[in-house]
Amino acid sequence: YEGRGERRPARPRSSGTTQVFIGLGRRAGVRPQDLVGAITGETRISGRDIGSIEIADRFSLVEVPIAVADEVIAGLRNSTIKGRKATVRRDRDDHR
């Protein structure tokens, strides 16, 4: 699964959470702490509220509470991560 376009098998998510797709990944030098810092800096949620983080070559998936997902998406759309703007949306495979 080393970023060749394959998706890892779905891992069960915590109840009451959803995944946010961020269009920057390992190739952009993104690390988990960059994503946590961007989210906590642009929203009212704390790092403790952020669940699993998956970083692929070209994108990242971050698990957040459903109640704040729209706030996270709006906050990240107006910010930069590692000096770059990213596409940010709910993960399309969010029906898992």
PDB file of N, CA and C in Angstrom:
ATOM      1  N   TYR A   1       0.816  -1.204   0.000  1.00  0.00           N
ATOM      2  CA  TYR A   1       0.000   0.000   0.000  1.00  0.00           C
ATOM      3  C   TYR A   1       0.849   1.252   0.000  1.00  0.00           C
ATOM      4  N   GLU A   2       2.018   1.204  -0.530  1.00  0.00           N
ATOM      5  CA  GLU A   2       2.941   2.329  -0.469  1.00  0.00           C
ATOM      6  C   GLU A   2       2.572   3.439  -1.445  1.00  0.00           C
ATOM      7  N   GLY A   3       1.330   3.893  -1.417  1.00  0.00           N
ATOM      8  CA  GLY A   3       0.943   5.049  -2.211  1.00  0.00           C
ATOM      9  C   GLY A   3       0.769   4.771  -3.680  1.00  0.00           C
ATOM     10  N   ARG A   4       0.560   3.538  -4.070  1.00  0.00           N
ATOM     11  CA  ARG A   4       0.409   3.223  -5.484  1.00  0.00           C
ATOM     12  C   ARG A   4      -1.034   3.321  -5.937  1.00  0.00           C
ATOM     13  N   GLY A   5      -1.839   4.043  -5.202  1.00  0.00           N
ATOM     14  CA  GLY A   5      -3.232   4.204  -5.579  1.00  0.00           C
ATOM     15  C   GLY A   5      -4.160   3.228  -4.889  1.00  0.00           C
ATOM     16  N   GLU A   6      -3.594   2.223  -4.217  1.00  0.00           N
ATOM     17  CA  GLU A   6      -4.457   1.283  -3.524  1.00  0.00           C
ATOM     18  C   GLU A   6      -4.898   1.880  -2.198  1.00  0.00           C
ATOM     19  N   ARG A   7      -6.056   1.472  -1.752  1.00  0.00           N
ATOM     20  CA  ARG A   7      -6.541   1.908  -0.440  1.00  0.00           C
ATOM     21  C   ARG A   7      -6.379   0.749   0.527  1.00  0.00           C
ATOM     22  N   ARG A   8      -6.024   1.051   1.732  1.00  0.00           N
ATOM     23  CA  ARG A   8      -5.963   0.016   2.756  1.00  0.00           C
ATOM     24  C   ARG A   8      -7.378  -0.434   3.069  1.00  0.00           C
ATOM     25  N   PRO A   9      -7.518  -1.658   3.535  1.00  0.00           N
ATOM     26  CA  PRO A   9      -8.857  -2.096   3.947  1.00  0.00           C
ATOM     27  C   PRO A   9      -9.395  -1.157   5.024  1.00  0.00           C
ATOM     28  N   ALA A  10     -10.668  -0.896   4.978  1.00  0.00           N
ATOM     29  CA  ALA A  10     -11.281   0.039   5.925  1.00  0.00           C
ATOM     30  C   ALA A  10     -11.106  -0.459   7.349  1.00  0.00           C
ATOM     31  N   ARG A  11     -10.641   0.437   8.193  1.00  0.00           N
ATOM     32  CA  ARG A  11     -10.516   0.140   9.611  1.00  0.00           C
ATOM     33  C   ARG A  11     -11.757   0.677  10.297  1.00  0.00           C
ATOM     34  N   PRO A  12     -12.311  -0.032  11.247  1.00  0.00           N
ATOM     35  CA  PRO A  12     -13.512   0.501  11.896  1.00  0.00           C
ATOM     36  C   PRO A  12     -13.217   1.848  12.548  1.00  0.00           C
ATOM     37  N   ARG A  13     -14.087   2.802  12.292  1.00  0.00           N
ATOM     38  CA  ARG A  13     -13.935   4.134  12.872  1.00  0.00           C
ATOM     39  C   ARG A  13     -14.657   4.203  14.197  1.00  0.00           C
ATOM     40  N   SER A  14     -14.224   5.142  15.010  1.00  0.00           N
ATOM     41  CA  SER A  14     -14.911   5.383  16.276  1.00  0.00           C
ATOM     42  C   SER A  14     -16.318   5.875  15.978  1.00  0.00           C
ATOM     43  N   SER A  15     -17.242   5.542  16.832  1.00  0.00           N
ATOM     44  CA  SER A  15     -18.614   6.000  16.680  1.00  0.00           C
ATOM     45  C   SER A  15     -18.663   7.523  16.750  1.00  0.00           C
ATOM     46  N   GLY A  16     -19.474   8.128  15.893  1.00  0.00           N
ATOM     47  CA  GLY A  16     -19.632   9.577  15.925  1.00  0.00           C
ATOM     48  C   GLY A  16     -18.530  10.344  15.237  1.00  0.00           C
ATOM     49  N   THR A  17     -17.726   9.658  14.415  1.00  0.00           N
ATOM     50  CA  THR A  17     -16.651  10.346  13.699  1.00  0.00           C
ATOM     51  C   THR A  17     -16.810  10.172  12.194  1.00  0.00           C
ATOM     52  N   THR A  18     -16.105  10.998  11.458  1.00  0.00           N
ATOM     53  CA  THR A  18     -16.072  10.923  10.007  1.00  0.00           C
ATOM     54  C   THR A  18     -14.643  11.211   9.570  1.00  0.00           C
ATOM     55  N   GLN A  19     -14.326  10.889   8.321  1.00  0.00           N
ATOM     56  CA  GLN A  19     -12.990  11.167   7.815  1.00  0.00           C
ATOM     57  C   GLN A  19     -13.017  12.372   6.890  1.00  0.00           C
ATOM     58  N   VAL A  20     -12.007  13.226   7.051  1.00  0.00           N
ATOM     59  CA  VAL A  20     -11.825  14.390   6.196  1.00  0.00           C
ATOM     60  C   VAL A  20     -10.652  14.092   5.266  1.00  0.00           C
ATOM     61  N   PHE A  21     -10.878  14.300   3.963  1.00  0.00           N
ATOM     62  CA  PHE A  21      -9.847  14.127   2.939  1.00  0.00           C
ATOM     63  C   PHE A  21      -9.087  15.434   2.807  1.00  0.00           C
ATOM     64  N   ILE A  22      -7.765  15.373   2.827  1.00  0.00           N
ATOM     65  CA  ILE A  22      -6.907  16.541   2.623  1.00  0.00           C
ATOM     66  C   ILE A  22      -5.976  16.195   1.469  1.00  0.00           C
ATOM     67  N   GLY A  23      -5.997  17.008   0.431  1.00  0.00           N
ATOM     68  CA  GLY A  23      -5.269  16.706  -0.793  1.00  0.00           C
ATOM     69  C   GLY A  23      -3.777  16.968  -0.752  1.00  0.00           C
ATOM     70  N   LEU A  24      -3.151  16.728   0.364  1.00  0.00           N
ATOM     71  CA  LEU A  24      -1.696  16.784   0.494  1.00  0.00           C
ATOM     72  C   LEU A  24      -1.258  15.559   1.273  1.00  0.00           C
ATOM     73  N   GLY A  25      -0.135  14.986   0.873  1.00  0.00           N
ATOM     74  CA  GLY A  25       0.331  13.784   1.546  1.00  0.00           C
ATOM     75  C   GLY A  25       1.828  13.780   1.733  1.00  0.00           C
ATOM     76  N   ARG A  26       2.377  12.584   1.761  1.00  0.00           N
ATOM     77  CA  ARG A  26       3.799  12.387   2.031  1.00  0.00           C
ATOM     78  C   ARG A  26       4.688  13.143   1.040  1.00  0.00           C
ATOM     79  N   ARG A  27       4.300  13.171  -0.226  1.00  0.00           N
ATOM     80  CA  ARG A  27       5.125  13.858  -1.230  1.00  0.00           C
ATOM     81  C   ARG A  27       5.242  15.353  -0.974  1.00  0.00           C
ATOM     82  N   ALA A  28       4.254  15.923  -0.285  1.00  0.00           N
ATOM     83  CA  ALA A  28       4.304  17.348   0.067  1.00  0.00           C
ATOM     84  C   ALA A  28       5.021  17.550   1.402  1.00  0.00           C
ATOM     85  N   GLY A  29       5.514  16.469   1.985  1.00  0.00           N
ATOM     86  CA  GLY A  29       6.218  16.556   3.254  1.00  0.00           C
ATOM     87  C   GLY A  29       5.308  16.650   4.462  1.00  0.00           C
ATOM     88  N   VAL A  30       4.036  16.289   4.296  1.00  0.00           N
ATOM     89  CA  VAL A  30       3.063  16.402   5.383  1.00  0.00           C
ATOM     90  C   VAL A  30       3.292  15.297   6.416  1.00  0.00           C
ATOM     91  N   ARG A  31       3.281  15.699   7.687  1.00  0.00           N
ATOM     92  CA  ARG A  31       3.413  14.779   8.814  1.00  0.00           C
ATOM     93  C   ARG A  31       2.158  14.891   9.677  1.00  0.00           C
ATOM     94  N   PRO A  32       1.871  13.890  10.495  1.00  0.00           N
ATOM     95  CA  PRO A  32       0.674  13.974  11.350  1.00  0.00           C
ATOM     96  C   PRO A  32       0.621  15.256  12.178  1.00  0.00           C
ATOM     97  N   GLN A  33       1.759  15.678  12.725  1.00  0.00           N
ATOM     98  CA  GLN A  33       1.752  16.887  13.552  1.00  0.00           C
ATOM     99  C   GLN A  33       1.419  18.138  12.740  1.00  0.00           C
ATOM    100  N   ASP A  34       1.716  18.145  11.444  1.00  0.00           N
ATOM    101  CA  ASP A  34       1.333  19.282  10.592  1.00  0.00           C
ATOM    102  C   ASP A  34      -0.183  19.366  10.482  1.00  0.00           C
ATOM    103  N   LEU A  35      -0.824  18.224  10.322  1.00  0.00           N
ATOM    104  CA  LEU A  35      -2.282  18.199  10.190  1.00  0.00           C
ATOM    105  C   LEU A  35      -2.958  18.564  11.504  1.00  0.00           C
ATOM    106  N   VAL A  36      -2.470  18.009  12.607  1.00  0.00           N
ATOM    107  CA  VAL A  36      -3.041  18.347  13.917  1.00  0.00           C
ATOM    108  C   VAL A  36      -2.868  19.839  14.182  1.00  0.00           C
ATOM    109  N   GLY A  37      -1.691  20.379  13.894  1.00  0.00           N
ATOM    110  CA  GLY A  37      -1.442  21.806  14.111  1.00  0.00           C
ATOM    111  C   GLY A  37      -2.344  22.688  13.272  1.00  0.00           C
ATOM    112  N   ALA A  38      -2.546  22.308  12.015  1.00  0.00           N
ATOM    113  CA  ALA A  38      -3.418  23.097  11.140  1.00  0.00           C
ATOM    114  C   ALA A  38      -4.861  23.050  11.635  1.00  0.00           C
ATOM    115  N   ILE A  39      -5.322  21.877  12.021  1.00  0.00           N
ATOM    116  CA  ILE A  39      -6.710  21.738  12.476  1.00  0.00           C
ATOM    117  C   ILE A  39      -6.930  22.494  13.778  1.00  0.00           C
ATOM    118  N   THR A  40      -6.044  22.313  14.749  1.00  0.00           N
ATOM    119  CA  THR A  40      -6.244  22.987  16.037  1.00  0.00           C
ATOM    120  C   THR A  40      -6.027  24.488  15.918  1.00  0.00           C
ATOM    121  N   GLY A  41      -5.197  24.909  14.976  1.00  0.00           N
ATOM    122  CA  GLY A  41      -4.957  26.338  14.792  1.00  0.00           C
ATOM    123  C   GLY A  41      -6.086  27.063  14.085  1.00  0.00           C
ATOM    124  N   GLU A  42      -6.857  26.340  13.291  1.00  0.00           N
ATOM    125  CA  GLU A  42      -7.914  26.962  12.488  1.00  0.00           C
ATOM    126  C   GLU A  42      -9.316  26.694  13.013  1.00  0.00           C
ATOM    127  N   THR A  43      -9.442  25.865  14.044  1.00  0.00           N
ATOM    128  CA  THR A  43     -10.762  25.516  14.577  1.00  0.00           C
ATOM    129  C   THR A  43     -10.742  25.591  16.096  1.00  0.00           C
ATOM    130  N   ARG A  44     -11.888  25.312  16.685  1.00  0.00           N
ATOM    131  CA  ARG A  44     -11.994  25.336  18.147  1.00  0.00           C
ATOM    132  C   ARG A  44     -11.769  23.957  18.765  1.00  0.00           C
ATOM    133  N   ILE A  45     -11.419  22.956  17.966  1.00  0.00           N
ATOM    134  CA  ILE A  45     -11.242  21.625  18.546  1.00  0.00           C
ATOM    135  C   ILE A  45      -9.799  21.421  19.005  1.00  0.00           C
ATOM    136  N   SER A  46      -9.625  20.499  19.943  1.00  0.00           N
ATOM    137  CA  SER A  46      -8.289  20.224  20.469  1.00  0.00           C
ATOM    138  C   SER A  46      -7.726  18.970  19.808  1.00  0.00           C
ATOM    139  N   GLY A  47      -6.441  18.777  19.958  1.00  0.00           N
ATOM    140  CA  GLY A  47      -5.788  17.608  19.400  1.00  0.00           C
ATOM    141  C   GLY A  47      -6.356  16.304  19.926  1.00  0.00           C
ATOM    142  N   ARG A  48      -6.902  16.330  21.146  1.00  0.00           N
ATOM    143  CA  ARG A  48      -7.495  15.116  21.722  1.00  0.00           C
ATOM    144  C   ARG A  48      -8.732  14.670  20.956  1.00  0.00           C
ATOM    145  N   ASP A  49      -9.380  15.611  20.248  1.00  0.00           N
ATOM    146  CA  ASP A  49     -10.596  15.278  19.502  1.00  0.00           C
ATOM    147  C   ASP A  49     -10.297  14.660  18.140  1.00  0.00           C
ATOM    148  N   ILE A  50      -9.057  14.698  17.728  1.00  0.00           N
ATOM    149  CA  ILE A  50      -8.675  14.188  16.412  1.00  0.00           C
ATOM    150  C   ILE A  50      -8.346  12.708  16.554  1.00  0.00           C
ATOM    151  N   GLY A  51      -8.941  11.906  15.675  1.00  0.00           N
ATOM    152  CA  GLY A  51      -8.724  10.460  15.721  1.00  0.00           C
ATOM    153  C   GLY A  51      -7.552  10.045  14.856  1.00  0.00           C
ATOM    154  N   SER A  52      -7.718   8.942  14.168  1.00  0.00           N
ATOM    155  CA  SER A  52      -6.631   8.388  13.368  1.00  0.00           C
ATOM    156  C   SER A  52      -6.288   9.299  12.193  1.00  0.00           C
ATOM    157  N   ILE A  53      -5.020   9.269  11.824  1.00  0.00           N
ATOM    158  CA  ILE A  53      -4.513  10.049  10.693  1.00  0.00           C
ATOM    159  C   ILE A  53      -3.792   9.075   9.776  1.00  0.00           C
ATOM    160  N   GLU A  54      -4.192   9.066   8.511  1.00  0.00           N
ATOM    161  CA  GLU A  54      -3.543   8.218   7.509  1.00  0.00           C
ATOM    162  C   GLU A  54      -2.938   9.140   6.467  1.00  0.00           C
ATOM    163  N   ILE A  55      -1.634   9.003   6.229  1.00  0.00           N
ATOM    164  CA  ILE A  55      -0.969   9.844   5.235  1.00  0.00           C
ATOM    165  C   ILE A  55      -0.477   8.953   4.101  1.00  0.00           C
ATOM    166  N   ALA A  56      -1.034   9.169   2.912  1.00  0.00           N
ATOM    167  CA  ALA A  56      -0.605   8.459   1.707  1.00  0.00           C
ATOM    168  C   ALA A  56       0.337   9.389   0.932  1.00  0.00           C
ATOM    169  N   ASP A  57       0.798   8.964  -0.221  1.00  0.00           N
ATOM    170  CA  ASP A  57       1.716   9.796  -0.997  1.00  0.00           C
ATOM    171  C   ASP A  57       1.102  11.129  -1.404  1.00  0.00           C
ATOM    172  N   ARG A  58      -0.161  11.106  -1.862  1.00  0.00           N
ATOM    173  CA  ARG A  58      -0.760  12.314  -2.439  1.00  0.00           C
ATOM    174  C   ARG A  58      -1.930  12.895  -1.650  1.00  0.00           C
ATOM    175  N   PHE A  59      -2.330  12.242  -0.576  1.00  0.00           N
ATOM    176  CA  PHE A  59      -3.462  12.748   0.214  1.00  0.00           C
ATOM    177  C   PHE A  59      -3.347  12.241   1.642  1.00  0.00           C
ATOM    178  N   SER A  60      -4.169  12.813   2.503  1.00  0.00           N
ATOM    179  CA  SER A  60      -4.243  12.382   3.900  1.00  0.00           C
ATOM    180  C   SER A  60      -5.704  12.242   4.296  1.00  0.00           C
ATOM    181  N   LEU A  61      -5.972  11.370   5.256  1.00  0.00           N
ATOM    182  CA  LEU A  61      -7.305  11.198   5.826  1.00  0.00           C
ATOM    183  C   LEU A  61      -7.194  11.405   7.328  1.00  0.00           C
ATOM    184  N   VAL A  62      -8.068  12.258   7.850  1.00  0.00           N
ATOM    185  CA  VAL A  62      -8.049  12.565   9.278  1.00  0.00           C
ATOM    186  C   VAL A  62      -9.434  12.299   9.851  1.00  0.00           C
ATOM    187  N   GLU A  63      -9.484  11.549  10.929  1.00  0.00           N
ATOM    188  CA  GLU A  63     -10.744  11.229  11.595  1.00  0.00           C
ATOM    189  C   GLU A  63     -11.071  12.328  12.607  1.00  0.00           C
ATOM    190  N   VAL A  64     -12.267  12.911  12.469  1.00  0.00           N
ATOM    191  CA  VAL A  64     -12.714  13.973  13.381  1.00  0.00           C
ATOM    192  C   VAL A  64     -14.164  13.704  13.787  1.00  0.00           C
ATOM    193  N   PRO A  65     -14.608  14.277  14.906  1.00  0.00           N
ATOM    194  CA  PRO A  65     -16.012  14.125  15.287  1.00  0.00           C
ATOM    195  C   PRO A  65     -16.938  14.713  14.222  1.00  0.00           C
ATOM    196  N   ILE A  66     -18.039  14.017  13.928  1.00  0.00           N
ATOM    197  CA  ILE A  66     -18.995  14.485  12.923  1.00  0.00           C
ATOM    198  C   ILE A  66     -19.457  15.903  13.228  1.00  0.00           C
ATOM    199  N   ALA A  67     -19.651  16.212  14.503  1.00  0.00           N
ATOM    200  CA  ALA A  67     -20.183  17.518  14.906  1.00  0.00           C
ATOM    201  C   ALA A  67     -19.290  18.684  14.493  1.00  0.00           C
ATOM    202  N   VAL A  68     -17.989  18.445  14.302  1.00  0.00           N
ATOM    203  CA  VAL A  68     -17.079  19.548  13.950  1.00  0.00           C
ATOM    204  C   VAL A  68     -16.461  19.383  12.562  1.00  0.00           C
ATOM    205  N   ALA A  69     -16.896  18.374  11.808  1.00  0.00           N
ATOM    206  CA  ALA A  69     -16.297  18.113  10.494  1.00  0.00           C
ATOM    207  C   ALA A  69     -16.412  19.313   9.563  1.00  0.00           C
ATOM    208  N   ASP A  70     -17.583  19.948   9.517  1.00  0.00           N
ATOM    209  CA  ASP A  70     -17.743  21.099   8.624  1.00  0.00           C
ATOM    210  C   ASP A  70     -16.846  22.254   9.042  1.00  0.00           C
ATOM    211  N   GLU A  71     -16.667  22.448  10.345  1.00  0.00           N
ATOM    212  CA  GLU A  71     -15.772  23.500  10.835  1.00  0.00           C
ATOM    213  C   GLU A  71     -14.321  23.204  10.448  1.00  0.00           C
ATOM    214  N   VAL A  72     -13.920  21.949  10.563  1.00  0.00           N
ATOM    215  CA  VAL A  72     -12.565  21.550  10.180  1.00  0.00           C
ATOM    216  C   VAL A  72     -12.352  21.796   8.691  1.00  0.00           C
ATOM    217  N   ILE A  73     -13.313  21.389   7.872  1.00  0.00           N
ATOM    218  CA  ILE A  73     -13.198  21.567   6.425  1.00  0.00           C
ATOM    219  C   ILE A  73     -13.108  23.047   6.076  1.00  0.00           C
ATOM    220  N   ALA A  74     -13.982  23.865   6.637  1.00  0.00           N
ATOM    221  CA  ALA A  74     -13.966  25.306   6.353  1.00  0.00           C
ATOM    222  C   ALA A  74     -12.656  25.938   6.813  1.00  0.00           C
ATOM    223  N   GLY A  75     -12.188  25.565   7.991  1.00  0.00           N
ATOM    224  CA  GLY A  75     -10.948  26.137   8.511  1.00  0.00           C
ATOM    225  C   GLY A  75      -9.747  25.786   7.660  1.00  0.00           C
ATOM    226  N   LEU A  76      -9.655  24.529   7.230  1.00  0.00           N
ATOM    227  CA  LEU A  76      -8.503  24.107   6.434  1.00  0.00           C
ATOM    228  C   LEU A  76      -8.553  24.649   5.013  1.00  0.00           C
ATOM    229  N   ARG A  77      -9.736  24.875   4.484  1.00  0.00           N
ATOM    230  CA  ARG A  77      -9.831  25.442   3.130  1.00  0.00           C
ATOM    231  C   ARG A  77      -9.258  26.852   3.078  1.00  0.00           C
ATOM    232  N   ASN A  78      -9.276  27.549   4.199  1.00  0.00           N
ATOM    233  CA  ASN A  78      -8.781  28.925   4.248  1.00  0.00           C
ATOM    234  C   ASN A  78      -7.352  29.021   4.768  1.00  0.00           C
ATOM    235  N   SER A  79      -6.674  27.898   4.889  1.00  0.00           N
ATOM    236  CA  SER A  79      -5.321  27.926   5.434  1.00  0.00           C
ATOM    237  C   SER A  79      -4.359  27.196   4.503  1.00  0.00           C
ATOM    238  N   THR A  80      -3.098  27.196   4.888  1.00  0.00           N
ATOM    239  CA  THR A  80      -2.091  26.446   4.142  1.00  0.00           C
ATOM    240  C   THR A  80      -1.465  25.412   5.074  1.00  0.00           C
ATOM    241  N   ILE A  81      -1.047  24.316   4.481  1.00  0.00           N
ATOM    242  CA  ILE A  81      -0.343  23.257   5.202  1.00  0.00           C
ATOM    243  C   ILE A  81       0.981  23.069   4.482  1.00  0.00           C
ATOM    244  N   LYS A  82       2.068  23.210   5.212  1.00  0.00           N
ATOM    245  CA  LYS A  82       3.410  23.136   4.613  1.00  0.00           C
ATOM    246  C   LYS A  82       3.530  24.129   3.449  1.00  0.00           C
ATOM    247  N   GLY A  83       2.911  25.304   3.616  1.00  0.00           N
ATOM    248  CA  GLY A  83       2.999  26.357   2.616  1.00  0.00           C
ATOM    249  C   GLY A  83       2.129  26.157   1.387  1.00  0.00           C
ATOM    250  N   ARG A  84       1.252  25.173   1.414  1.00  0.00           N
ATOM    251  CA  ARG A  84       0.417  24.888   0.239  1.00  0.00           C
ATOM    252  C   ARG A  84      -1.050  24.858   0.609  1.00  0.00           C
ATOM    253  N   LYS A  85      -1.892  25.334  -0.308  1.00  0.00           N
ATOM    254  CA  LYS A  85      -3.347  25.195  -0.165  1.00  0.00           C
ATOM    255  C   LYS A  85      -3.700  23.765  -0.546  1.00  0.00           C
ATOM    256  N   ALA A  86      -4.690  23.217   0.113  1.00  0.00           N
ATOM    257  CA  ALA A  86      -5.077  21.835  -0.172  1.00  0.00           C
ATOM    258  C   ALA A  86      -6.567  21.742  -0.443  1.00  0.00           C
ATOM    259  N   THR A  87      -6.935  20.768  -1.267  1.00  0.00           N
ATOM    260  CA  THR A  87      -8.336  20.398  -1.409  1.00  0.00           C
ATOM    261  C   THR A  87      -8.746  19.728  -0.103  1.00  0.00           C
ATOM    262  N   VAL A  88      -9.868  20.155   0.459  1.00  0.00           N
ATOM    263  CA  VAL A  88     -10.337  19.578   1.725  1.00  0.00           C
ATOM    264  C   VAL A  88     -11.828  19.294   1.592  1.00  0.00           C
ATOM    265  N   ARG A  89     -12.234  18.066   1.919  1.00  0.00           N
ATOM    266  CA  ARG A  89     -13.649  17.682   1.847  1.00  0.00           C
ATOM    267  C   ARG A  89     -13.851  16.436   2.699  1.00  0.00           C
ATOM    268  N   ARG A  90     -15.119  16.081   2.891  1.00  0.00           N
ATOM    269  CA  ARG A  90     -15.391  14.794   3.534  1.00  0.00           C
ATOM    270  C   ARG A  90     -14.896  13.701   2.598  1.00  0.00           C
ATOM    271  N   ASP A  91     -14.359  12.646   3.176  1.00  0.00           N
ATOM    272  CA  ASP A  91     -13.865  11.541   2.362  1.00  0.00           C
ATOM    273  C   ASP A  91     -15.018  10.921   1.586  1.00  0.00           C
ATOM    274  N   ARG A  92     -14.818  10.673   0.314  1.00  0.00           N
ATOM    275  CA  ARG A  92     -15.880  10.106  -0.532  1.00  0.00           C
ATOM    276  C   ARG A  92     -16.257   8.698  -0.121  1.00  0.00           C
ATOM    277  N   ASP A  93     -15.336   7.981   0.487  1.00  0.00           N
ATOM    278  CA  ASP A  93     -15.622   6.613   0.932  1.00  0.00           C
ATOM    279  C   ASP A  93     -16.181   6.604   2.344  1.00  0.00           C
ATOM    280  N   ASP A  94     -16.839   7.680   2.729  1.00  0.00           N
ATOM    281  CA  ASP A  94     -17.271   7.852   4.112  1.00  0.00           C
ATOM    282  C   ASP A  94     -18.473   6.998   4.484  1.00  0.00           C
ATOM    283  N   HIS A  95     -18.986   6.203   3.566  1.00  0.00           N
ATOM    284  CA  HIS A  95     -20.122   5.343   3.883  1.00  0.00           C
ATOM    285  C   HIS A  95     -19.686   4.027   4.511  1.00  0.00           C
ATOM    286  N   ARG A  96     -18.380   3.818   4.680  1.00  0.00           N
ATOM    287  CA  ARG A  96     -17.854   2.557   5.219  1.00  0.00           C
ATOM    288  C   ARG A  96     -18.358   2.324   6.622  1.00  0.00           C
TER     289      ARG A  96
END
